[in-house]
Amino acid sequence: MKTLLKLSSAAAAVTLLAACGTTVEQRAATGALAGAAAGQVIGGNTEATVAGAVVGGVAGAATTPRRRPR
């Protein structure tokens, strides 16, 4: 039950921060922060926090929408 609570809390935090930012850098930064928080909640150690930050940063940068030139 504790694991389910941790996972749902981490998923809620990631969902809230997933779309923050308009540039690649902003989205990568917010993704890294959310990933680090989720990694710490789920894993509870430094390795999980760093892994979460890396995954979140990459995911944030990869999901940045491309803007059409005006």
N, C-alpha and C. Protein backbone atom coordinates (compact mmCIF):
# COMPACT_ATOMS: atom_id res chain seq x y z
N MET A 1 0.81 -1.19 0.00
CA MET A 1 0.00 0.00 0.00
C MET A 1 0.86 1.26 0.00
N LYS A 2 1.99 1.23 0.75
CA LYS A 2 2.88 2.38 0.78
C LYS A 2 3.46 2.67 -0.60
N THR A 3 3.81 1.61 -1.32
CA THR A 3 4.38 1.79 -2.66
C THR A 3 3.36 2.43 -3.59
N LEU A 4 2.12 2.01 -3.52
CA LEU A 4 1.07 2.58 -4.36
C LEU A 4 0.88 4.06 -4.04
N LEU A 5 0.93 4.42 -2.77
CA LEU A 5 0.80 5.81 -2.37
C LEU A 5 1.98 6.64 -2.89
N LYS A 6 3.18 6.09 -2.79
CA LYS A 6 4.35 6.79 -3.31
C LYS A 6 4.26 6.98 -4.82
N LEU A 7 3.88 5.92 -5.54
CA LEU A 7 3.78 6.01 -6.99
C LEU A 7 2.71 7.00 -7.43
N SER A 8 1.58 7.00 -6.77
CA SER A 8 0.52 7.93 -7.16
C SER A 8 0.91 9.37 -6.83
N SER A 9 1.60 9.59 -5.74
CA SER A 9 2.07 10.93 -5.40
C SER A 9 3.10 11.41 -6.42
N ALA A 10 4.01 10.55 -6.80
CA ALA A 10 5.02 10.91 -7.79
C ALA A 10 4.37 11.18 -9.15
N ALA A 11 3.41 10.37 -9.53
CA ALA A 11 2.73 10.57 -10.81
C ALA A 11 1.97 11.89 -10.81
N ALA A 12 1.36 12.25 -9.70
CA ALA A 12 0.64 13.52 -9.62
C ALA A 12 1.60 14.70 -9.74
N ALA A 13 2.74 14.62 -9.09
CA ALA A 13 3.73 15.70 -9.17
C ALA A 13 4.27 15.85 -10.58
N VAL A 14 4.56 14.74 -11.22
CA VAL A 14 5.08 14.79 -12.59
C VAL A 14 4.04 15.35 -13.54
N THR A 15 2.79 14.96 -13.36
CA THR A 15 1.72 15.46 -14.21
C THR A 15 1.55 16.96 -14.07
N LEU A 16 1.63 17.46 -12.85
CA LEU A 16 1.47 18.90 -12.63
C LEU A 16 2.60 19.71 -13.25
N LEU A 17 3.80 19.17 -13.26
CA LEU A 17 4.95 19.92 -13.76
C LEU A 17 5.34 19.58 -15.19
N ALA A 18 4.67 18.65 -15.81
CA ALA A 18 5.09 18.16 -17.11
C ALA A 18 5.07 19.22 -18.19
N ALA A 19 4.14 20.13 -18.15
CA ALA A 19 4.00 21.10 -19.23
C ALA A 19 4.55 22.47 -18.87
N CYS A 20 5.36 22.59 -17.85
CA CYS A 20 5.90 23.88 -17.45
C CYS A 20 7.02 24.30 -18.38
N GLY A 21 6.93 25.52 -18.88
CA GLY A 21 7.98 26.07 -19.72
C GLY A 21 7.61 26.09 -21.18
N THR A 22 8.23 27.01 -21.89
CA THR A 22 7.96 27.13 -23.32
C THR A 22 9.19 26.85 -24.18
N THR A 23 10.37 26.91 -23.58
CA THR A 23 11.58 26.62 -24.34
C THR A 23 12.09 25.23 -23.97
N VAL A 24 13.00 24.73 -24.77
CA VAL A 24 13.58 23.42 -24.50
C VAL A 24 14.26 23.41 -23.13
N GLU A 25 14.98 24.48 -22.83
CA GLU A 25 15.70 24.55 -21.56
C GLU A 25 14.75 24.56 -20.37
N GLN A 26 13.67 25.34 -20.48
CA GLN A 26 12.71 25.41 -19.38
C GLN A 26 12.03 24.06 -19.15
N ARG A 27 11.64 23.43 -20.24
CA ARG A 27 10.96 22.13 -20.10
C ARG A 27 11.91 21.06 -19.60
N ALA A 28 13.18 21.11 -20.03
CA ALA A 28 14.16 20.15 -19.53
C ALA A 28 14.39 20.35 -18.03
N ALA A 29 14.46 21.61 -17.60
CA ALA A 29 14.69 21.90 -16.18
C ALA A 29 13.52 21.45 -15.32
N THR A 30 12.29 21.75 -15.74
CA THR A 30 11.15 21.33 -14.94
C THR A 30 10.98 19.82 -14.97
N GLY A 31 11.31 19.21 -16.10
CA GLY A 31 11.27 17.75 -16.17
C GLY A 31 12.29 17.12 -15.23
N ALA A 32 13.48 17.71 -15.17
CA ALA A 32 14.52 17.20 -14.28
C ALA A 32 14.12 17.34 -12.82
N LEU A 33 13.51 18.47 -12.48
CA LEU A 33 13.06 18.66 -11.09
C LEU A 33 11.97 17.66 -10.72
N ALA A 34 11.02 17.50 -11.61
CA ALA A 34 9.93 16.55 -11.33
C ALA A 34 10.46 15.13 -11.28
N GLY A 35 11.37 14.81 -12.18
CA GLY A 35 11.96 13.46 -12.19
C GLY A 35 12.77 13.19 -10.94
N ALA A 36 13.52 14.20 -10.48
CA ALA A 36 14.30 14.03 -9.25
C ALA A 36 13.39 13.80 -8.06
N ALA A 37 12.31 14.57 -8.00
CA ALA A 37 11.36 14.40 -6.89
C ALA A 37 10.72 13.01 -6.94
N ALA A 38 10.32 12.60 -8.12
CA ALA A 38 9.71 11.28 -8.26
C ALA A 38 10.71 10.18 -7.93
N GLY A 39 11.95 10.33 -8.37
CA GLY A 39 12.98 9.34 -8.07
C GLY A 39 13.25 9.21 -6.59
N GLN A 40 13.26 10.35 -5.90
CA GLN A 40 13.49 10.32 -4.45
C GLN A 40 12.32 9.66 -3.73
N VAL A 41 11.11 9.98 -4.17
CA VAL A 41 9.93 9.39 -3.51
C VAL A 41 9.88 7.89 -3.75
N ILE A 42 10.16 7.47 -4.96
CA ILE A 42 10.05 6.05 -5.29
C ILE A 42 11.25 5.25 -4.76
N GLY A 43 12.46 5.75 -5.03
CA GLY A 43 13.65 4.99 -4.65
C GLY A 43 14.18 5.28 -3.27
N GLY A 44 14.06 6.54 -2.84
CA GLY A 44 14.51 6.91 -1.51
C GLY A 44 16.01 6.99 -1.34
N ASN A 45 16.75 7.06 -2.45
CA ASN A 45 18.20 7.19 -2.33
C ASN A 45 18.74 8.10 -3.42
N THR A 46 20.01 8.44 -3.33
CA THR A 46 20.61 9.38 -4.28
C THR A 46 20.62 8.84 -5.70
N GLU A 47 20.89 7.58 -5.86
CA GLU A 47 20.94 6.98 -7.20
C GLU A 47 19.58 7.11 -7.91
N ALA A 48 18.51 6.86 -7.20
CA ALA A 48 17.17 6.98 -7.78
C ALA A 48 16.85 8.43 -8.11
N THR A 49 17.31 9.35 -7.27
CA THR A 49 17.07 10.77 -7.51
C THR A 49 17.77 11.24 -8.77
N VAL A 50 19.03 10.85 -8.93
CA VAL A 50 19.80 11.24 -10.11
C VAL A 50 19.20 10.60 -11.37
N ALA A 51 18.85 9.34 -11.29
CA ALA A 51 18.24 8.67 -12.45
C ALA A 51 16.92 9.34 -12.83
N GLY A 52 16.11 9.70 -11.85
CA GLY A 52 14.86 10.38 -12.12
C GLY A 52 15.08 11.73 -12.76
N ALA A 53 16.10 12.46 -12.31
CA ALA A 53 16.40 13.76 -12.88
C ALA A 53 16.84 13.64 -14.34
N VAL A 54 17.64 12.65 -14.64
CA VAL A 54 18.09 12.44 -16.01
C VAL A 54 16.92 12.08 -16.92
N VAL A 55 16.12 11.14 -16.49
CA VAL A 55 14.97 10.72 -17.30
C VAL A 55 13.99 11.88 -17.47
N GLY A 56 13.71 12.60 -16.40
CA GLY A 56 12.79 13.74 -16.48
C GLY A 56 13.31 14.85 -17.37
N GLY A 57 14.59 15.14 -17.28
CA GLY A 57 15.17 16.18 -18.13
C GLY A 57 15.11 15.83 -19.61
N VAL A 58 15.42 14.60 -19.92
CA VAL A 58 15.35 14.14 -21.32
C VAL A 58 13.91 14.16 -21.82
N ALA A 59 13.01 13.69 -20.99
CA ALA A 59 11.59 13.67 -21.38
C ALA A 59 11.06 15.08 -21.56
N GLY A 60 11.43 15.99 -20.69
CA GLY A 60 10.98 17.37 -20.82
C GLY A 60 11.50 18.02 -22.08
N ALA A 61 12.76 17.80 -22.39
CA ALA A 61 13.34 18.37 -23.61
C ALA A 61 12.74 17.74 -24.86
N ALA A 62 12.49 16.45 -24.80
CA ALA A 62 11.97 15.75 -25.98
C ALA A 62 10.52 16.09 -26.28
N THR A 63 9.78 16.56 -25.29
CA THR A 63 8.36 16.85 -25.51
C THR A 63 8.09 18.32 -25.76
N THR A 64 9.13 19.11 -25.99
CA THR A 64 8.92 20.51 -26.30
C THR A 64 8.31 20.65 -27.68
N PRO A 65 7.15 21.32 -27.78
CA PRO A 65 6.53 21.48 -29.09
C PRO A 65 7.35 22.41 -29.98
N ARG A 66 7.42 22.08 -31.23
CA ARG A 66 8.13 22.92 -32.19
C ARG A 66 7.22 24.08 -32.60
N ARG A 67 7.80 25.24 -32.66
CA ARG A 67 7.03 26.43 -33.08
C ARG A 67 7.25 26.67 -34.56
N ARG A 68 6.19 27.05 -35.20
CA ARG A 68 6.29 27.38 -36.62
C ARG A 68 6.82 28.79 -36.78
N PRO A 69 7.72 29.00 -37.74
CA PRO A 69 8.23 30.36 -37.95
C PRO A 69 7.10 31.25 -38.48
N ARG A 70 7.11 32.49 -38.05
CA ARG A 70 6.06 33.43 -38.49
C ARG A 70 6.44 34.14 -39.74
